[in-house]
């Protein structure tokens, strides 16, 4: 019985240590993500960075619209060819 309890407590100790390592890693990850979010927010407060980000979003939207137009034109051509 004594040997069983020693093994059980040893297993619990190992498990607690392993969980502590997981918790430390998760905490470090959350801390790094929070710092990254803070730095991004701080960078967005600068007008030149904000303007550049807005311009990039507009350019992406224009590119997507042009792609949709090209797809629609292809569908139109396919429909005309099928008549």
PDB file of N, CA and C in Angstrom:
ATOM      1  N   UNK A   1       0.827  -1.185   0.000  1.00  0.00           N
ATOM      2  CA  UNK A   1       0.000   0.000   0.000  1.00  0.00           C
ATOM      3  C   UNK A   1       0.876   1.256   0.000  1.00  0.00           C
ATOM      4  N   UNK A   2       1.943   1.199   0.795  1.00  0.00           N
ATOM      5  CA  UNK A   2       2.839   2.355   0.899  1.00  0.00           C
ATOM      6  C   UNK A   2       3.484   2.658  -0.452  1.00  0.00           C
ATOM      7  N   UNK A   3       3.862   1.622  -1.160  1.00  0.00           N
ATOM      8  CA  UNK A   3       4.483   1.776  -2.468  1.00  0.00           C
ATOM      9  C   UNK A   3       3.484   2.394  -3.472  1.00  0.00           C
ATOM     10  N   UNK A   4       2.226   1.954  -3.361  1.00  0.00           N
ATOM     11  CA  UNK A   4       1.175   2.496  -4.228  1.00  0.00           C
ATOM     12  C   UNK A   4       1.005   3.998  -4.016  1.00  0.00           C
ATOM     13  N   UNK A   5       0.988   4.420  -2.761  1.00  0.00           N
ATOM     14  CA  UNK A   5       0.820   5.843  -2.463  1.00  0.00           C
ATOM     15  C   UNK A   5       2.023   6.658  -2.936  1.00  0.00           C
ATOM     16  N   UNK A   6       3.227   6.112  -2.763  1.00  0.00           N
ATOM     17  CA  UNK A   6       4.413   6.818  -3.240  1.00  0.00           C
ATOM     18  C   UNK A   6       4.338   7.025  -4.748  1.00  0.00           C
ATOM     19  N   UNK A   7       3.937   5.978  -5.479  1.00  0.00           N
ATOM     20  CA  UNK A   7       3.833   6.072  -6.931  1.00  0.00           C
ATOM     21  C   UNK A   7       2.730   7.057  -7.327  1.00  0.00           C
ATOM     22  N   UNK A   8       1.599   7.019  -6.624  1.00  0.00           N
ATOM     23  CA  UNK A   8       0.488   7.914  -6.934  1.00  0.00           C
ATOM     24  C   UNK A   8       0.903   9.372  -6.735  1.00  0.00           C
ATOM     25  N   UNK A   9       1.560   9.656  -5.615  1.00  0.00           N
ATOM     26  CA  UNK A   9       1.991  11.029  -5.355  1.00  0.00           C
ATOM     27  C   UNK A   9       3.078  11.466  -6.320  1.00  0.00           C
ATOM     28  N   UNK A  10       3.932  10.534  -6.692  1.00  0.00           N
ATOM     29  CA  UNK A  10       4.973  10.838  -7.671  1.00  0.00           C
ATOM     30  C   UNK A  10       4.347  11.182  -9.023  1.00  0.00           C
ATOM     31  N   UNK A  11       3.347  10.393  -9.418  1.00  0.00           N
ATOM     32  CA  UNK A  11       2.647  10.669 -10.678  1.00  0.00           C
ATOM     33  C   UNK A  11       1.940  12.023 -10.639  1.00  0.00           C
ATOM     34  N   UNK A  12       1.307  12.331  -9.495  1.00  0.00           N
ATOM     35  CA  UNK A  12       0.623  13.622  -9.362  1.00  0.00           C
ATOM     36  C   UNK A  12       1.623  14.768  -9.449  1.00  0.00           C
ATOM     37  N   UNK A  13       2.792  14.587  -8.850  1.00  0.00           N
ATOM     38  CA  UNK A  13       3.829  15.616  -8.879  1.00  0.00           C
ATOM     39  C   UNK A  13       4.299  15.844 -10.311  1.00  0.00           C
ATOM     40  N   UNK A  14       4.539  14.758 -11.053  1.00  0.00           N
ATOM     41  CA  UNK A  14       4.971  14.878 -12.445  1.00  0.00           C
ATOM     42  C   UNK A  14       3.895  15.555 -13.296  1.00  0.00           C
ATOM     43  N   UNK A  15       2.656  15.166 -13.068  1.00  0.00           N
ATOM     44  CA  UNK A  15       1.542  15.748 -13.814  1.00  0.00           C
ATOM     45  C   UNK A  15       1.400  17.240 -13.515  1.00  0.00           C
ATOM     46  N   UNK A  16       1.521  17.616 -12.268  1.00  0.00           N
ATOM     47  CA  UNK A  16       1.435  19.029 -11.882  1.00  0.00           C
ATOM     48  C   UNK A  16       2.576  19.826 -12.499  1.00  0.00           C
ATOM     49  N   UNK A  17       3.764  19.250 -12.515  1.00  0.00           N
ATOM     50  CA  UNK A  17       4.916  19.926 -13.110  1.00  0.00           C
ATOM     51  C   UNK A  17       4.705  20.120 -14.615  1.00  0.00           C
ATOM     52  N   UNK A  18       4.214  19.082 -15.288  1.00  0.00           N
ATOM     53  CA  UNK A  18       3.963  19.178 -16.727  1.00  0.00           C
ATOM     54  C   UNK A  18       2.885  20.219 -17.016  1.00  0.00           C
ATOM     55  N   UNK A  19       1.822  20.248 -16.216  1.00  0.00           N
ATOM     56  CA  UNK A  19       0.756  21.230 -16.417  1.00  0.00           C
ATOM     57  C   UNK A  19       1.259  22.641 -16.164  1.00  0.00           C
ATOM     58  N   UNK A  20       2.156  22.779 -15.197  1.00  0.00           N
ATOM     59  CA  UNK A  20       2.747  24.084 -14.915  1.00  0.00           C
ATOM     60  C   UNK A  20       3.543  24.585 -16.115  1.00  0.00           C
ATOM     61  N   UNK A  21       4.264  23.682 -16.781  1.00  0.00           N
ATOM     62  CA  UNK A  21       5.019  24.062 -17.974  1.00  0.00           C
ATOM     63  C   UNK A  21       4.074  24.506 -19.084  1.00  0.00           C
ATOM     64  N   UNK A  22       2.954  23.807 -19.250  1.00  0.00           N
ATOM     65  CA  UNK A  22       1.951  24.188 -20.249  1.00  0.00           C
ATOM     66  C   UNK A  22       1.381  25.566 -19.911  1.00  0.00           C
ATOM     67  N   UNK A  23       1.059  25.776 -18.650  1.00  0.00           N
ATOM     68  CA  UNK A  23       0.507  27.062 -18.220  1.00  0.00           C
ATOM     69  C   UNK A  23       1.505  28.202 -18.459  1.00  0.00           C
ATOM     70  N   UNK A  24       2.785  27.951 -18.168  1.00  0.00           N
ATOM     71  CA  UNK A  24       3.804  28.982 -18.400  1.00  0.00           C
ATOM     72  C   UNK A  24       3.902  29.319 -19.881  1.00  0.00           C
ATOM     73  N   UNK A  25       3.859  28.306 -20.729  1.00  0.00           N
ATOM     74  CA  UNK A  25       3.943  28.537 -22.172  1.00  0.00           C
ATOM     75  C   UNK A  25       2.725  29.312 -22.670  1.00  0.00           C
ATOM     76  N   UNK A  26       1.537  28.946 -22.197  1.00  0.00           N
ATOM     77  CA  UNK A  26       0.317  29.660 -22.592  1.00  0.00           C
ATOM     78  C   UNK A  26       0.342  31.104 -22.112  1.00  0.00           C
ATOM     79  N   UNK A  27       0.819  31.326 -20.900  1.00  0.00           N
ATOM     80  CA  UNK A  27       0.908  32.681 -20.368  1.00  0.00           C
ATOM     81  C   UNK A  27       1.863  33.520 -21.207  1.00  0.00           C
ATOM     82  N   UNK A  28       3.003  32.938 -21.575  1.00  0.00           N
ATOM     83  CA  UNK A  28       3.968  33.664 -22.402  1.00  0.00           C
ATOM     84  C   UNK A  28       3.370  33.995 -23.766  1.00  0.00           C
ATOM     85  N   UNK A  29       2.589  33.075 -24.328  1.00  0.00           N
ATOM     86  CA  UNK A  29       1.962  33.313 -25.618  1.00  0.00           C
ATOM     87  C   UNK A  29       0.941  34.444 -25.535  1.00  0.00           C
ATOM     88  N   UNK A  30       0.117  34.426 -24.508  1.00  0.00           N
ATOM     89  CA  UNK A  30      -0.887  35.485 -24.333  1.00  0.00           C
ATOM     90  C   UNK A  30      -0.201  36.826 -24.099  1.00  0.00           C
ATOM     91  N   UNK A  31       0.860  36.814 -23.327  1.00  0.00           N
ATOM     92  CA  UNK A  31       1.613  38.041 -23.061  1.00  0.00           C
ATOM     93  C   UNK A  31       2.197  38.603 -24.356  1.00  0.00           C
ATOM     94  N   UNK A  32       2.762  37.738 -25.189  1.00  0.00           N
ATOM     95  CA  UNK A  32       3.339  38.183 -26.463  1.00  0.00           C
ATOM     96  C   UNK A  32       2.260  38.701 -27.404  1.00  0.00           C
ATOM     97  N   UNK A  33       1.100  38.015 -27.443  1.00  0.00           N
ATOM     98  CA  UNK A  33       0.004  38.475 -28.290  1.00  0.00           C
ATOM     99  C   UNK A  33      -0.520  39.828 -27.831  1.00  0.00           C
ATOM    100  N   UNK A  34      -0.608  40.026 -26.524  1.00  0.00           N
ATOM    101  CA  UNK A  34      -1.069  41.306 -25.992  1.00  0.00           C
ATOM    102  C   UNK A  34      -0.094  42.422 -26.345  1.00  0.00           C
ATOM    103  N   UNK A  35       1.187  42.146 -26.231  1.00  0.00           N
ATOM    104  CA  UNK A  35       2.192  43.151 -26.581  1.00  0.00           C
ATOM    105  C   UNK A  35       2.116  43.485 -28.067  1.00  0.00           C
ATOM    106  N   UNK A  36       1.924  42.456 -28.901  1.00  0.00           N
ATOM    107  CA  UNK A  36       1.807  42.691 -30.347  1.00  0.00           C
ATOM    108  C   UNK A  36       0.584  43.554 -30.654  1.00  0.00           C
ATOM    109  N   UNK A  37      -0.537  43.260 -30.002  1.00  0.00           N
ATOM    110  CA  UNK A  37      -1.749  44.055 -30.220  1.00  0.00           C
ATOM    111  C   UNK A  37      -1.527  45.497 -29.773  1.00  0.00           C
ATOM    112  N   UNK A  38      -0.837  45.673 -28.650  1.00  0.00           N
ATOM    113  CA  UNK A  38      -0.543  47.020 -28.157  1.00  0.00           C
ATOM    114  C   UNK A  38       0.334  47.775 -29.149  1.00  0.00           C
ATOM    115  N   UNK A  39       1.380  47.126 -29.634  1.00  0.00           N
ATOM    116  CA  UNK A  39       2.289  47.772 -30.574  1.00  0.00           C
ATOM    117  C   UNK A  39       1.569  48.119 -31.880  1.00  0.00           C
ATOM    118  N   UNK A  40       0.675  47.229 -32.335  1.00  0.00           N
ATOM    119  CA  UNK A  40      -0.092  47.518 -33.544  1.00  0.00           C
ATOM    120  C   UNK A  40      -1.013  48.717 -33.323  1.00  0.00           C
ATOM    121  N   UNK A  41      -1.671  48.756 -32.177  1.00  0.00           N
ATOM    122  CA  UNK A  41      -2.565  49.874 -31.885  1.00  0.00           C
ATOM    123  C   UNK A  41      -1.772  51.177 -31.773  1.00  0.00           C
ATOM    124  N   UNK A  42      -0.620  51.091 -31.144  1.00  0.00           N
ATOM    125  CA  UNK A  42       0.224  52.273 -31.006  1.00  0.00           C
ATOM    126  C   UNK A  42       0.701  52.748 -32.371  1.00  0.00           C
ATOM    127  N   UNK A  43       1.047  51.817 -33.251  1.00  0.00           N
ATOM    128  CA  UNK A  43       1.507  52.187 -34.590  1.00  0.00           C
ATOM    129  C   UNK A  43       0.371  52.803 -35.395  1.00  0.00           C
ATOM    130  N   UNK A  44      -0.848  52.321 -35.195  1.00  0.00           N
ATOM    131  CA  UNK A  44      -1.988  52.856 -35.940  1.00  0.00           C
ATOM    132  C   UNK A  44      -2.313  54.290 -35.525  1.00  0.00           C
ATOM    133  N   UNK A  45      -1.831  54.702 -34.376  1.00  0.00           N
ATOM    134  CA  UNK A  45      -2.117  56.064 -33.928  1.00  0.00           C
ATOM    135  C   UNK A  45      -1.280  57.088 -34.688  1.00  0.00           C
ATOM    136  N   UNK A  46      -0.211  56.624 -35.353  1.00  0.00           N
ATOM    137  CA  UNK A  46       0.590  57.538 -36.167  1.00  0.00           C
ATOM    138  C   UNK A  46      -0.123  57.734 -37.497  1.00  0.00           C
ATOM    139  N   UNK A  47      -0.327  58.976 -37.919  1.00  0.00           N
ATOM    140  CA  UNK A  47      -1.100  59.246 -39.134  1.00  0.00           C
ATOM    141  C   UNK A  47      -0.545  58.575 -40.388  1.00  0.00           C
ATOM    142  N   UNK A  48       0.769  58.560 -40.544  1.00  0.00           N
ATOM    143  CA  UNK A  48       1.322  57.985 -41.770  1.00  0.00           C
ATOM    144  C   UNK A  48       1.087  56.480 -41.844  1.00  0.00           C
ATOM    145  N   UNK A  49       1.144  55.803 -40.720  1.00  0.00           N
ATOM    146  CA  UNK A  49       0.895  54.359 -40.696  1.00  0.00           C
ATOM    147  C   UNK A  49      -0.581  54.084 -40.941  1.00  0.00           C
ATOM    148  N   UNK A  50      -1.434  54.885 -40.320  1.00  0.00           N
ATOM    149  CA  UNK A  50      -2.870  54.713 -40.499  1.00  0.00           C
ATOM    150  C   UNK A  50      -3.257  54.921 -41.952  1.00  0.00           C
ATOM    151  N   UNK A  51      -2.717  55.970 -42.573  1.00  0.00           N
ATOM    152  CA  UNK A  51      -3.033  56.245 -43.970  1.00  0.00           C
ATOM    153  C   UNK A  51      -2.549  55.115 -44.872  1.00  0.00           C
ATOM    154  N   UNK A  52      -1.370  54.590 -44.603  1.00  0.00           N
ATOM    155  CA  UNK A  52      -0.835  53.491 -45.411  1.00  0.00           C
ATOM    156  C   UNK A  52      -1.709  52.244 -45.278  1.00  0.00           C
ATOM    157  N   UNK A  53      -2.172  51.962 -44.074  1.00  0.00           N
ATOM    158  CA  UNK A  53      -3.027  50.793 -43.859  1.00  0.00           C
ATOM    159  C   UNK A  53      -4.362  50.965 -44.582  1.00  0.00           C
ATOM    160  N   UNK A  54      -4.914  52.162 -44.504  1.00  0.00           N
ATOM    161  CA  UNK A  54      -6.168  52.429 -45.201  1.00  0.00           C
ATOM    162  C   UNK A  54      -5.995  52.298 -46.712  1.00  0.00           C
ATOM    163  N   UNK A  55      -4.891  52.804 -47.229  1.00  0.00           N
ATOM    164  CA  UNK A  55      -4.631  52.715 -48.663  1.00  0.00           C
ATOM    165  C   UNK A  55      -4.480  51.255 -49.086  1.00  0.00           C
ATOM    166  N   UNK A  56      -3.818  50.459 -48.285  1.00  0.00           N
ATOM    167  CA  UNK A  56      -3.659  49.039 -48.600  1.00  0.00           C
ATOM    168  C   UNK A  56      -5.019  48.336 -48.636  1.00  0.00           C
ATOM    169  N   UNK A  57      -5.899  48.679 -47.698  1.00  0.00           N
ATOM    170  CA  UNK A  57      -7.242  48.092 -47.691  1.00  0.00           C
ATOM    171  C   UNK A  57      -8.012  48.491 -48.940  1.00  0.00           C
ATOM    172  N   UNK A  58      -7.899  49.766 -49.338  1.00  0.00           N
ATOM    173  CA  UNK A  58      -8.599  50.228 -50.542  1.00  0.00           C
ATOM    174  C   UNK A  58      -8.075  49.518 -51.780  1.00  0.00           C
ATOM    175  N   UNK A  59      -6.764  49.367 -51.873  1.00  0.00           N
ATOM    176  CA  UNK A  59      -6.176  48.688 -53.028  1.00  0.00           C
ATOM    177  C   UNK A  59      -6.619  47.226 -53.088  1.00  0.00           C
ATOM    178  N   UNK A  60      -6.710  46.573 -51.944  1.00  0.00           N
ATOM    179  CA  UNK A  60      -7.183  45.194 -51.894  1.00  0.00           C
ATOM    180  C   UNK A  60      -8.636  45.115 -52.354  1.00  0.00           C
ATOM    181  N   UNK A  61      -9.467  46.047 -51.910  1.00  0.00           N
ATOM    182  CA  UNK A  61     -10.871  46.059 -52.310  1.00  0.00           C
ATOM    183  C   UNK A  61     -10.996  46.280 -53.820  1.00  0.00           C
ATOM    184  N   UNK A  62     -10.192  47.158 -54.366  1.00  0.00           N
ATOM    185  CA  UNK A  62     -10.219  47.416 -55.809  1.00  0.00           C
ATOM    186  C   UNK A  62      -9.796  46.159 -56.571  1.00  0.00           C
ATOM    187  N   UNK A  63      -8.759  45.492 -56.106  1.00  0.00           N
ATOM    188  CA  UNK A  63      -8.293  44.269 -56.765  1.00  0.00           C
ATOM    189  C   UNK A  63      -9.368  43.193 -56.747  1.00  0.00           C
ATOM    190  N   UNK A  64     -10.066  43.050 -55.626  1.00  0.00           N
ATOM    191  CA  UNK A  64     -11.143  42.071 -55.541  1.00  0.00           C
ATOM    192  C   UNK A  64     -12.281  42.425 -56.483  1.00  0.00           C
ATOM    193  N   UNK A  65     -12.617  43.713 -56.567  1.00  0.00           N
ATOM    194  CA  UNK A  65     -13.688  44.152 -57.474  1.00  0.00           C
ATOM    195  C   UNK A  65     -13.297  43.882 -58.923  1.00  0.00           C
ATOM    196  N   UNK A  66     -12.062  44.151 -59.279  1.00  0.00           N
ATOM    197  CA  UNK A  66     -11.610  43.898 -60.645  1.00  0.00           C
ATOM    198  C   UNK A  66     -11.653  42.407 -60.967  1.00  0.00           C
ATOM    199  N   UNK A  67     -11.322  41.573 -60.009  1.00  0.00           N
ATOM    200  CA  UNK A  67     -11.397  40.123 -60.207  1.00  0.00           C
ATOM    201  C   UNK A  67     -12.848  39.694 -60.434  1.00  0.00           C
ATOM    202  N   UNK A  68     -13.759  40.243 -59.657  1.00  0.00           N
ATOM    203  CA  UNK A  68     -15.179  39.923 -59.836  1.00  0.00           C
ATOM    204  C   UNK A  68     -15.675  40.373 -61.197  1.00  0.00           C
ATOM    205  N   UNK A  69     -15.205  41.537 -61.657  1.00  0.00           N
ATOM    206  CA  UNK A  69     -15.593  42.032 -62.979  1.00  0.00           C
ATOM    207  C   UNK A  69     -15.088  41.074 -64.056  1.00  0.00           C
ATOM    208  N   UNK A  70     -13.848  40.621 -63.929  1.00  0.00           N
ATOM    209  CA  UNK A  70     -13.281  39.693 -64.911  1.00  0.00           C
ATOM    210  C   UNK A  70     -14.062  38.381 -64.935  1.00  0.00           C
ATOM    211  N   UNK A  71     -14.446  37.886 -63.768  1.00  0.00           N
ATOM    212  CA  UNK A  71     -15.226  36.657 -63.711  1.00  0.00           C
ATOM    213  C   UNK A  71     -16.601  36.853 -64.355  1.00  0.00           C
ATOM    214  N   UNK A  72     -17.212  37.989 -64.106  1.00  0.00           N
ATOM    215  CA  UNK A  72     -18.518  38.272 -64.704  1.00  0.00           C
ATOM    216  C   UNK A  72     -18.397  38.375 -66.220  1.00  0.00           C
ATOM    217  N   UNK A  73     -17.348  39.009 -66.714  1.00  0.00           N
ATOM    218  CA  UNK A  73     -17.139  39.120 -68.156  1.00  0.00           C
ATOM    219  C   UNK A  73     -16.975  37.730 -68.774  1.00  0.00           C
ATOM    220  N   UNK A  74     -16.232  36.862 -68.087  1.00  0.00           N
ATOM    221  CA  UNK A  74     -16.050  35.502 -68.584  1.00  0.00           C
ATOM    222  C   UNK A  74     -17.379  34.764 -68.647  1.00  0.00           C
ATOM    223  N   UNK A  75     -18.219  34.944 -67.650  1.00  0.00           N
ATOM    224  CA  UNK A  75     -19.530  34.321 -67.646  1.00  0.00           C
ATOM    225  C   UNK A  75     -20.393  34.856 -68.782  1.00  0.00           C
ATOM    226  N   UNK A  76     -20.296  36.180 -69.042  1.00  0.00           N
ATOM    227  CA  UNK A  76     -21.056  36.787 -70.123  1.00  0.00           C
ATOM    228  C   UNK A  76     -20.618  36.204 -71.468  1.00  0.00           C
ATOM    229  N   UNK A  77     -19.308  36.105 -71.657  1.00  0.00           N
ATOM    230  CA  UNK A  77     -18.781  35.552 -72.907  1.00  0.00           C
ATOM    231  C   UNK A  77     -19.199  34.103 -73.079  1.00  0.00           C
ATOM    232  N   UNK A  78     -19.170  33.330 -71.990  1.00  0.00           N
ATOM    233  CA  UNK A  78     -19.576  31.934 -72.054  1.00  0.00           C
ATOM    234  C   UNK A  78     -21.062  31.805 -72.390  1.00  0.00           C
ATOM    235  N   UNK A  79     -21.864  32.693 -71.829  1.00  0.00           N
ATOM    236  CA  UNK A  79     -23.299  32.658 -72.102  1.00  0.00           C
ATOM    237  C   UNK A  79     -23.574  33.031 -73.558  1.00  0.00           C
ATOM    238  N   UNK A  80     -22.857  34.010 -74.095  1.00  0.00           N
ATOM    239  CA  UNK A  80     -23.048  34.413 -75.484  1.00  0.00           C
ATOM    240  C   UNK A  80     -22.586  33.305 -76.433  1.00  0.00           C
ATOM    241  N   UNK A  81     -21.524  32.631 -76.085  1.00  0.00           N
ATOM    242  CA  UNK A  81     -21.010  31.557 -76.938  1.00  0.00           C
ATOM    243  C   UNK A  81     -21.961  30.360 -76.946  1.00  0.00           C
ATOM    244  N   UNK A  82     -22.679  30.154 -75.877  1.00  0.00           N
ATOM    245  CA  UNK A  82     -23.588  29.035 -75.773  1.00  0.00           C
ATOM    246  C   UNK A  82     -24.914  29.241 -76.474  1.00  0.00           C
ATOM    247  N   UNK A  83     -25.218  30.440 -76.913  1.00  0.00           N
ATOM    248  CA  UNK A  83     -26.512  30.721 -77.552  1.00  0.00           C
ATOM    249  C   UNK A  83     -26.593  30.193 -78.903  1.00  0.00           C
TER     250      UNK A  83
END
